[in-house]
């Protein structure tokens, strides 16, 4: 084995363990899109989040929730 091949092999062996933990599993995202205001859906959103929690999904830990709301008829 030549010196250059040995150094390349050694460098790859050092970098490989550092790169492996950097990958994280993809987190599912639930999207909520409504033409109404958020105040009209407060109770439903609470029940939805509770249902997700009962199914084992905790917002911010293993599921993300993205919501977009229109706050009025002209918005």
PDB file of N, CA and C in Angstrom:
ATOM      1  N   UNK A   1       0.861  -1.178   0.000  1.00  0.00           N
ATOM      2  CA  UNK A   1       0.000   0.000   0.000  1.00  0.00           C
ATOM      3  C   UNK A   1       0.899   1.229   0.000  1.00  0.00           C
ATOM      4  N   UNK A   2       0.601   2.133  -0.880  1.00  0.00           N
ATOM      5  CA  UNK A   2       1.403   3.348  -0.970  1.00  0.00           C
ATOM      6  C   UNK A   2       0.983   4.336   0.110  1.00  0.00           C
ATOM      7  N   UNK A   3       1.843   5.278   0.355  1.00  0.00           N
ATOM      8  CA  UNK A   3       1.630   6.269   1.412  1.00  0.00           C
ATOM      9  C   UNK A   3       0.353   7.081   1.174  1.00  0.00           C
ATOM     10  N   UNK A   4       0.127   7.515  -0.061  1.00  0.00           N
ATOM     11  CA  UNK A   4      -1.045   8.333  -0.383  1.00  0.00           C
ATOM     12  C   UNK A   4      -2.339   7.546  -0.151  1.00  0.00           C
ATOM     13  N   UNK A   5      -2.367   6.280  -0.540  1.00  0.00           N
ATOM     14  CA  UNK A   5      -3.556   5.443  -0.316  1.00  0.00           C
ATOM     15  C   UNK A   5      -3.811   5.233   1.171  1.00  0.00           C
ATOM     16  N   UNK A   6      -2.730   5.060   1.926  1.00  0.00           N
ATOM     17  CA  UNK A   6      -2.874   4.873   3.370  1.00  0.00           C
ATOM     18  C   UNK A   6      -3.454   6.120   4.030  1.00  0.00           C
ATOM     19  N   UNK A   7      -2.973   7.283   3.654  1.00  0.00           N
ATOM     20  CA  UNK A   7      -3.467   8.541   4.231  1.00  0.00           C
ATOM     21  C   UNK A   7      -4.934   8.755   3.861  1.00  0.00           C
ATOM     22  N   UNK A   8      -5.313   8.449   2.627  1.00  0.00           N
ATOM     23  CA  UNK A   8      -6.713   8.570   2.199  1.00  0.00           C
ATOM     24  C   UNK A   8      -7.601   7.623   2.996  1.00  0.00           C
ATOM     25  N   UNK A   9      -7.160   6.393   3.174  1.00  0.00           N
ATOM     26  CA  UNK A   9      -7.921   5.416   3.945  1.00  0.00           C
ATOM     27  C   UNK A   9      -8.065   5.854   5.395  1.00  0.00           C
ATOM     28  N   UNK A  10      -6.987   6.329   5.984  1.00  0.00           N
ATOM     29  CA  UNK A  10      -7.011   6.784   7.366  1.00  0.00           C
ATOM     30  C   UNK A  10      -7.927   7.997   7.528  1.00  0.00           C
ATOM     31  N   UNK A  11      -7.869   8.943   6.588  1.00  0.00           N
ATOM     32  CA  UNK A  11      -8.740  10.126   6.639  1.00  0.00           C
ATOM     33  C   UNK A  11     -10.205   9.751   6.534  1.00  0.00           C
ATOM     34  N   UNK A  12     -10.530   8.800   5.657  1.00  0.00           N
ATOM     35  CA  UNK A  12     -11.916   8.344   5.524  1.00  0.00           C
ATOM     36  C   UNK A  12     -12.410   7.657   6.770  1.00  0.00           C
ATOM     37  N   UNK A  13     -11.539   6.897   7.440  1.00  0.00           N
ATOM     38  CA  UNK A  13     -11.919   6.204   8.666  1.00  0.00           C
ATOM     39  C   UNK A  13     -12.189   7.186   9.797  1.00  0.00           C
ATOM     40  N   UNK A  14     -11.501   8.313   9.793  1.00  0.00           N
ATOM     41  CA  UNK A  14     -11.708   9.319  10.844  1.00  0.00           C
ATOM     42  C   UNK A  14     -12.982  10.113  10.595  1.00  0.00           C
ATOM     43  N   UNK A  15     -13.279  10.450   9.349  1.00  0.00           N
ATOM     44  CA  UNK A  15     -14.435  11.283   9.015  1.00  0.00           C
ATOM     45  C   UNK A  15     -15.742  10.492   9.083  1.00  0.00           C
ATOM     46  N   UNK A  16     -15.737   9.224   8.744  1.00  0.00           N
ATOM     47  CA  UNK A  16     -16.968   8.435   8.668  1.00  0.00           C
ATOM     48  C   UNK A  16     -17.764   8.422   9.971  1.00  0.00           C
ATOM     49  N   UNK A  17     -17.182   8.186  11.150  1.00  0.00           N
ATOM     50  CA  UNK A  17     -17.991   8.190  12.374  1.00  0.00           C
ATOM     51  C   UNK A  17     -18.574   9.564  12.700  1.00  0.00           C
ATOM     52  N   UNK A  18     -17.936  10.625  12.260  1.00  0.00           N
ATOM     53  CA  UNK A  18     -18.441  11.969  12.528  1.00  0.00           C
ATOM     54  C   UNK A  18     -19.640  12.307  11.656  1.00  0.00           C
ATOM     55  N   UNK A  19     -19.703  11.764  10.449  1.00  0.00           N
ATOM     56  CA  UNK A  19     -20.780  12.081   9.518  1.00  0.00           C
ATOM     57  C   UNK A  19     -22.039  11.270   9.805  1.00  0.00           C
ATOM     58  N   UNK A  20     -21.919  10.084  10.338  1.00  0.00           N
ATOM     59  CA  UNK A  20     -23.074   9.208  10.534  1.00  0.00           C
ATOM     60  C   UNK A  20     -24.118   9.777  11.492  1.00  0.00           C
ATOM     61  N   UNK A  21     -23.778  10.316  12.665  1.00  0.00           N
ATOM     62  CA  UNK A  21     -24.810  10.824  13.568  1.00  0.00           C
ATOM     63  C   UNK A  21     -25.492  12.094  13.076  1.00  0.00           C
ATOM     64  N   UNK A  22     -24.940  12.776  12.090  1.00  0.00           N
ATOM     65  CA  UNK A  22     -25.509  14.031  11.612  1.00  0.00           C
ATOM     66  C   UNK A  22     -26.839  13.829  10.892  1.00  0.00           C
ATOM     67  N   UNK A  23     -27.103  12.628  10.401  1.00  0.00           N
ATOM     68  CA  UNK A  23     -28.348  12.385   9.686  1.00  0.00           C
ATOM     69  C   UNK A  23     -29.465  12.105  10.683  1.00  0.00           C
ATOM     70  N   UNK A  24     -30.576  12.802  10.507  1.00  0.00           N
ATOM     71  CA  UNK A  24     -31.727  12.619  11.376  1.00  0.00           C
ATOM     72  C   UNK A  24     -32.888  12.098  10.543  1.00  0.00           C
ATOM     73  N   UNK A  25     -33.727  11.259  11.155  1.00  0.00           N
ATOM     74  CA  UNK A  25     -34.885  10.777  10.403  1.00  0.00           C
ATOM     75  C   UNK A  25     -35.836  11.933  10.076  1.00  0.00           C
ATOM     76  N   UNK A  26     -36.507  11.811   8.950  1.00  0.00           N
ATOM     77  CA  UNK A  26     -37.444  12.859   8.530  1.00  0.00           C
ATOM     78  C   UNK A  26     -38.640  12.905   9.481  1.00  0.00           C
ATOM     79  N   UNK A  27     -39.060  14.106   9.820  1.00  0.00           N
ATOM     80  CA  UNK A  27     -40.205  14.292  10.703  1.00  0.00           C
ATOM     81  C   UNK A  27     -41.442  14.549   9.841  1.00  0.00           C
ATOM     82  N   UNK A  28     -42.540  13.816  10.084  1.00  0.00           N
ATOM     83  CA  UNK A  28     -43.755  14.085   9.315  1.00  0.00           C
ATOM     84  C   UNK A  28     -44.295  15.484   9.619  1.00  0.00           C
ATOM     85  N   UNK A  29     -44.877  16.105   8.605  1.00  0.00           N
ATOM     86  CA  UNK A  29     -45.447  17.447   8.750  1.00  0.00           C
ATOM     87  C   UNK A  29     -46.929  17.386   8.407  1.00  0.00           C
ATOM     88  N   UNK A  30     -47.753  17.922   9.304  1.00  0.00           N
ATOM     89  CA  UNK A  30     -49.194  18.025   9.077  1.00  0.00           C
ATOM     90  C   UNK A  30     -49.468  19.473   8.701  1.00  0.00           C
ATOM     91  N   UNK A  31     -50.137  19.693   7.588  1.00  0.00           N
ATOM     92  CA  UNK A  31     -50.447  21.038   7.132  1.00  0.00           C
ATOM     93  C   UNK A  31     -51.918  21.367   7.340  1.00  0.00           C
ATOM     94  N   UNK A  32     -52.187  22.564   7.844  1.00  0.00           N
ATOM     95  CA  UNK A  32     -53.554  23.045   8.036  1.00  0.00           C
ATOM     96  C   UNK A  32     -53.679  24.351   7.260  1.00  0.00           C
ATOM     97  N   UNK A  33     -54.613  24.385   6.331  1.00  0.00           N
ATOM     98  CA  UNK A  33     -54.834  25.565   5.501  1.00  0.00           C
ATOM     99  C   UNK A  33     -56.302  25.924   5.575  1.00  0.00           C
ATOM    100  N   UNK A  34     -56.596  27.157   5.973  1.00  0.00           N
ATOM    101  CA  UNK A  34     -57.995  27.556   6.128  1.00  0.00           C
ATOM    102  C   UNK A  34     -58.187  28.993   5.673  1.00  0.00           C
ATOM    103  N   UNK A  35     -59.350  29.236   5.111  1.00  0.00           N
ATOM    104  CA  UNK A  35     -59.688  30.600   4.705  1.00  0.00           C
ATOM    105  C   UNK A  35     -60.342  31.363   5.850  1.00  0.00           C
ATOM    106  N   UNK A  36     -60.554  30.716   6.974  1.00  0.00           N
ATOM    107  CA  UNK A  36     -61.128  31.360   8.157  1.00  0.00           C
ATOM    108  C   UNK A  36     -60.044  31.856   9.090  1.00  0.00           C
ATOM    109  N   UNK A  37     -60.464  32.331  10.251  1.00  0.00           N
ATOM    110  CA  UNK A  37     -59.500  32.805  11.241  1.00  0.00           C
ATOM    111  C   UNK A  37     -59.220  31.696  12.249  1.00  0.00           C
ATOM    112  N   UNK A  38     -58.088  31.785  12.884  1.00  0.00           N
ATOM    113  CA  UNK A  38     -57.681  30.757  13.844  1.00  0.00           C
ATOM    114  C   UNK A  38     -58.630  30.711  15.041  1.00  0.00           C
ATOM    115  N   UNK A  39     -59.228  31.826  15.404  1.00  0.00           N
ATOM    116  CA  UNK A  39     -60.122  31.853  16.572  1.00  0.00           C
ATOM    117  C   UNK A  39     -61.355  30.972  16.382  1.00  0.00           C
ATOM    118  N   UNK A  40     -61.775  30.752  15.146  1.00  0.00           N
ATOM    119  CA  UNK A  40     -62.940  29.898  14.881  1.00  0.00           C
ATOM    120  C   UNK A  40     -62.611  28.415  15.033  1.00  0.00           C
ATOM    121  N   UNK A  41     -61.336  28.075  15.059  1.00  0.00           N
ATOM    122  CA  UNK A  41     -60.931  26.674  15.090  1.00  0.00           C
ATOM    123  C   UNK A  41     -60.167  26.280  16.348  1.00  0.00           C
ATOM    124  N   UNK A  42     -60.160  27.112  17.370  1.00  0.00           N
ATOM    125  CA  UNK A  42     -59.376  26.844  18.572  1.00  0.00           C
ATOM    126  C   UNK A  42     -59.766  25.508  19.207  1.00  0.00           C
ATOM    127  N   UNK A  43     -61.043  25.251  19.385  1.00  0.00           N
ATOM    128  CA  UNK A  43     -61.486  24.000  20.006  1.00  0.00           C
ATOM    129  C   UNK A  43     -61.128  22.786  19.149  1.00  0.00           C
ATOM    130  N   UNK A  44     -61.324  22.902  17.841  1.00  0.00           N
ATOM    131  CA  UNK A  44     -60.997  21.793  16.949  1.00  0.00           C
ATOM    132  C   UNK A  44     -59.496  21.511  16.924  1.00  0.00           C
ATOM    133  N   UNK A  45     -58.690  22.545  16.954  1.00  0.00           N
ATOM    134  CA  UNK A  45     -57.243  22.353  16.957  1.00  0.00           C
ATOM    135  C   UNK A  45     -56.768  21.672  18.237  1.00  0.00           C
ATOM    136  N   UNK A  46     -57.377  22.052  19.352  1.00  0.00           N
ATOM    137  CA  UNK A  46     -57.041  21.400  20.622  1.00  0.00           C
ATOM    138  C   UNK A  46     -57.381  19.918  20.590  1.00  0.00           C
ATOM    139  N   UNK A  47     -58.548  19.586  20.054  1.00  0.00           N
ATOM    140  CA  UNK A  47     -58.952  18.186  19.944  1.00  0.00           C
ATOM    141  C   UNK A  47     -58.048  17.432  18.959  1.00  0.00           C
ATOM    142  N   UNK A  48     -57.658  18.092  17.886  1.00  0.00           N
ATOM    143  CA  UNK A  48     -56.770  17.475  16.899  1.00  0.00           C
ATOM    144  C   UNK A  48     -55.416  17.151  17.515  1.00  0.00           C
ATOM    145  N   UNK A  49     -54.859  18.114  18.239  1.00  0.00           N
ATOM    146  CA  UNK A  49     -53.565  17.890  18.892  1.00  0.00           C
ATOM    147  C   UNK A  49     -53.663  16.801  19.950  1.00  0.00           C
ATOM    148  N   UNK A  50     -54.771  16.759  20.679  1.00  0.00           N
ATOM    149  CA  UNK A  50     -54.970  15.716  21.684  1.00  0.00           C
ATOM    150  C   UNK A  50     -55.047  14.339  21.015  1.00  0.00           C
ATOM    151  N   UNK A  51     -55.744  14.248  19.896  1.00  0.00           N
ATOM    152  CA  UNK A  51     -55.830  12.990  19.157  1.00  0.00           C
ATOM    153  C   UNK A  51     -54.468  12.531  18.650  1.00  0.00           C
ATOM    154  N   UNK A  52     -53.666  13.481  18.156  1.00  0.00           N
ATOM    155  CA  UNK A  52     -52.307  13.132  17.739  1.00  0.00           C
ATOM    156  C   UNK A  52     -51.493  12.614  18.918  1.00  0.00           C
ATOM    157  N   UNK A  53     -51.643  13.278  20.066  1.00  0.00           N
ATOM    158  CA  UNK A  53     -50.905  12.866  21.262  1.00  0.00           C
ATOM    159  C   UNK A  53     -51.297  11.454  21.694  1.00  0.00           C
ATOM    160  N   UNK A  54     -52.583  11.150  21.644  1.00  0.00           N
ATOM    161  CA  UNK A  54     -53.054   9.813  22.009  1.00  0.00           C
ATOM    162  C   UNK A  54     -52.544   8.749  21.042  1.00  0.00           C
ATOM    163  N   UNK A  55     -52.288   9.156  19.803  1.00  0.00           N
ATOM    164  CA  UNK A  55     -51.757   8.229  18.803  1.00  0.00           C
ATOM    165  C   UNK A  55     -50.230   8.126  18.876  1.00  0.00           C
ATOM    166  N   UNK A  56     -49.614   8.882  19.793  1.00  0.00           N
ATOM    167  CA  UNK A  56     -48.172   8.800  19.975  1.00  0.00           C
ATOM    168  C   UNK A  56     -47.379   9.887  19.284  1.00  0.00           C
ATOM    169  N   UNK A  57     -48.068  10.877  18.720  1.00  0.00           N
ATOM    170  CA  UNK A  57     -47.382  11.976  18.040  1.00  0.00           C
ATOM    171  C   UNK A  57     -47.392  13.211  18.923  1.00  0.00           C
ATOM    172  N   UNK A  58     -46.205  13.725  19.225  1.00  0.00           N
ATOM    173  CA  UNK A  58     -46.075  14.907  20.063  1.00  0.00           C
ATOM    174  C   UNK A  58     -45.459  16.017  19.223  1.00  0.00           C
ATOM    175  N   UNK A  59     -46.177  17.121  19.148  1.00  0.00           N
ATOM    176  CA  UNK A  59     -45.735  18.235  18.306  1.00  0.00           C
ATOM    177  C   UNK A  59     -44.352  18.720  18.740  1.00  0.00           C
ATOM    178  N   UNK A  60     -43.462  18.846  17.771  1.00  0.00           N
ATOM    179  CA  UNK A  60     -42.109  19.296  18.038  1.00  0.00           C
ATOM    180  C   UNK A  60     -41.141  18.164  18.325  1.00  0.00           C
ATOM    181  N   UNK A  61     -41.646  16.990  18.702  1.00  0.00           N
ATOM    182  CA  UNK A  61     -40.764  15.859  18.976  1.00  0.00           C
ATOM    183  C   UNK A  61     -40.737  14.866  17.822  1.00  0.00           C
ATOM    184  N   UNK A  62     -41.923  14.442  17.370  1.00  0.00           N
ATOM    185  CA  UNK A  62     -41.954  13.471  16.272  1.00  0.00           C
ATOM    186  C   UNK A  62     -42.982  13.828  15.200  1.00  0.00           C
ATOM    187  N   UNK A  63     -43.551  15.019  15.274  1.00  0.00           N
ATOM    188  CA  UNK A  63     -44.434  15.526  14.226  1.00  0.00           C
ATOM    189  C   UNK A  63     -44.386  17.062  14.255  1.00  0.00           C
ATOM    190  N   UNK A  64     -44.458  17.669  13.088  1.00  0.00           N
ATOM    191  CA  UNK A  64     -44.512  19.131  12.987  1.00  0.00           C
ATOM    192  C   UNK A  64     -45.884  19.520  12.432  1.00  0.00           C
ATOM    193  N   UNK A  65     -46.440  20.612  12.939  1.00  0.00           N
ATOM    194  CA  UNK A  65     -47.731  21.106  12.458  1.00  0.00           C
ATOM    195  C   UNK A  65     -47.515  22.511  11.900  1.00  0.00           C
ATOM    196  N   UNK A  66     -47.823  22.677  10.630  1.00  0.00           N
ATOM    197  CA  UNK A  66     -47.734  23.974   9.954  1.00  0.00           C
ATOM    198  C   UNK A  66     -49.144  24.431   9.636  1.00  0.00           C
ATOM    199  N   UNK A  67     -49.474  25.662  10.008  1.00  0.00           N
ATOM    200  CA  UNK A  67     -50.821  26.170   9.724  1.00  0.00           C
ATOM    201  C   UNK A  67     -50.756  27.544   9.080  1.00  0.00           C
ATOM    202  N   UNK A  68     -51.699  27.795   8.207  1.00  0.00           N
ATOM    203  CA  UNK A  68     -51.852  29.084   7.534  1.00  0.00           C
ATOM    204  C   UNK A  68     -53.317  29.490   7.621  1.00  0.00           C
ATOM    205  N   UNK A  69     -53.553  30.733   8.044  1.00  0.00           N
ATOM    206  CA  UNK A  69     -54.922  31.198   8.256  1.00  0.00           C
ATOM    207  C   UNK A  69     -55.127  32.538   7.570  1.00  0.00           C
ATOM    208  N   UNK A  70     -56.335  32.780   7.136  1.00  0.00           N
ATOM    209  CA  UNK A  70     -56.728  34.099   6.636  1.00  0.00           C
ATOM    210  C   UNK A  70     -57.466  34.767   7.790  1.00  0.00           C
ATOM    211  N   UNK A  71     -57.046  35.936   8.160  1.00  0.00           N
ATOM    212  CA  UNK A  71     -57.620  36.590   9.334  1.00  0.00           C
ATOM    213  C   UNK A  71     -58.836  37.459   9.014  1.00  0.00           C
ATOM    214  N   UNK A  72     -59.275  37.458   7.800  1.00  0.00           N
ATOM    215  CA  UNK A  72     -60.451  38.221   7.456  1.00  0.00           C
ATOM    216  C   UNK A  72     -60.788  38.064   6.000  1.00  0.00           C
ATOM    217  N   UNK A  73     -61.965  38.587   5.553  1.00  0.00           N
ATOM    218  CA  UNK A  73     -62.389  38.385   4.171  1.00  0.00           C
ATOM    219  C   UNK A  73     -61.469  39.051   3.148  1.00  0.00           C
ATOM    220  N   UNK A  74     -60.772  40.105   3.491  1.00  0.00           N
ATOM    221  CA  UNK A  74     -59.931  40.797   2.529  1.00  0.00           C
ATOM    222  C   UNK A  74     -58.474  40.384   2.580  1.00  0.00           C
ATOM    223  N   UNK A  75     -58.091  39.514   3.496  1.00  0.00           N
ATOM    224  CA  UNK A  75     -56.678  39.159   3.681  1.00  0.00           C
ATOM    225  C   UNK A  75     -56.228  38.032   2.815  1.00  0.00           C
TER     226      UNK A  75
END
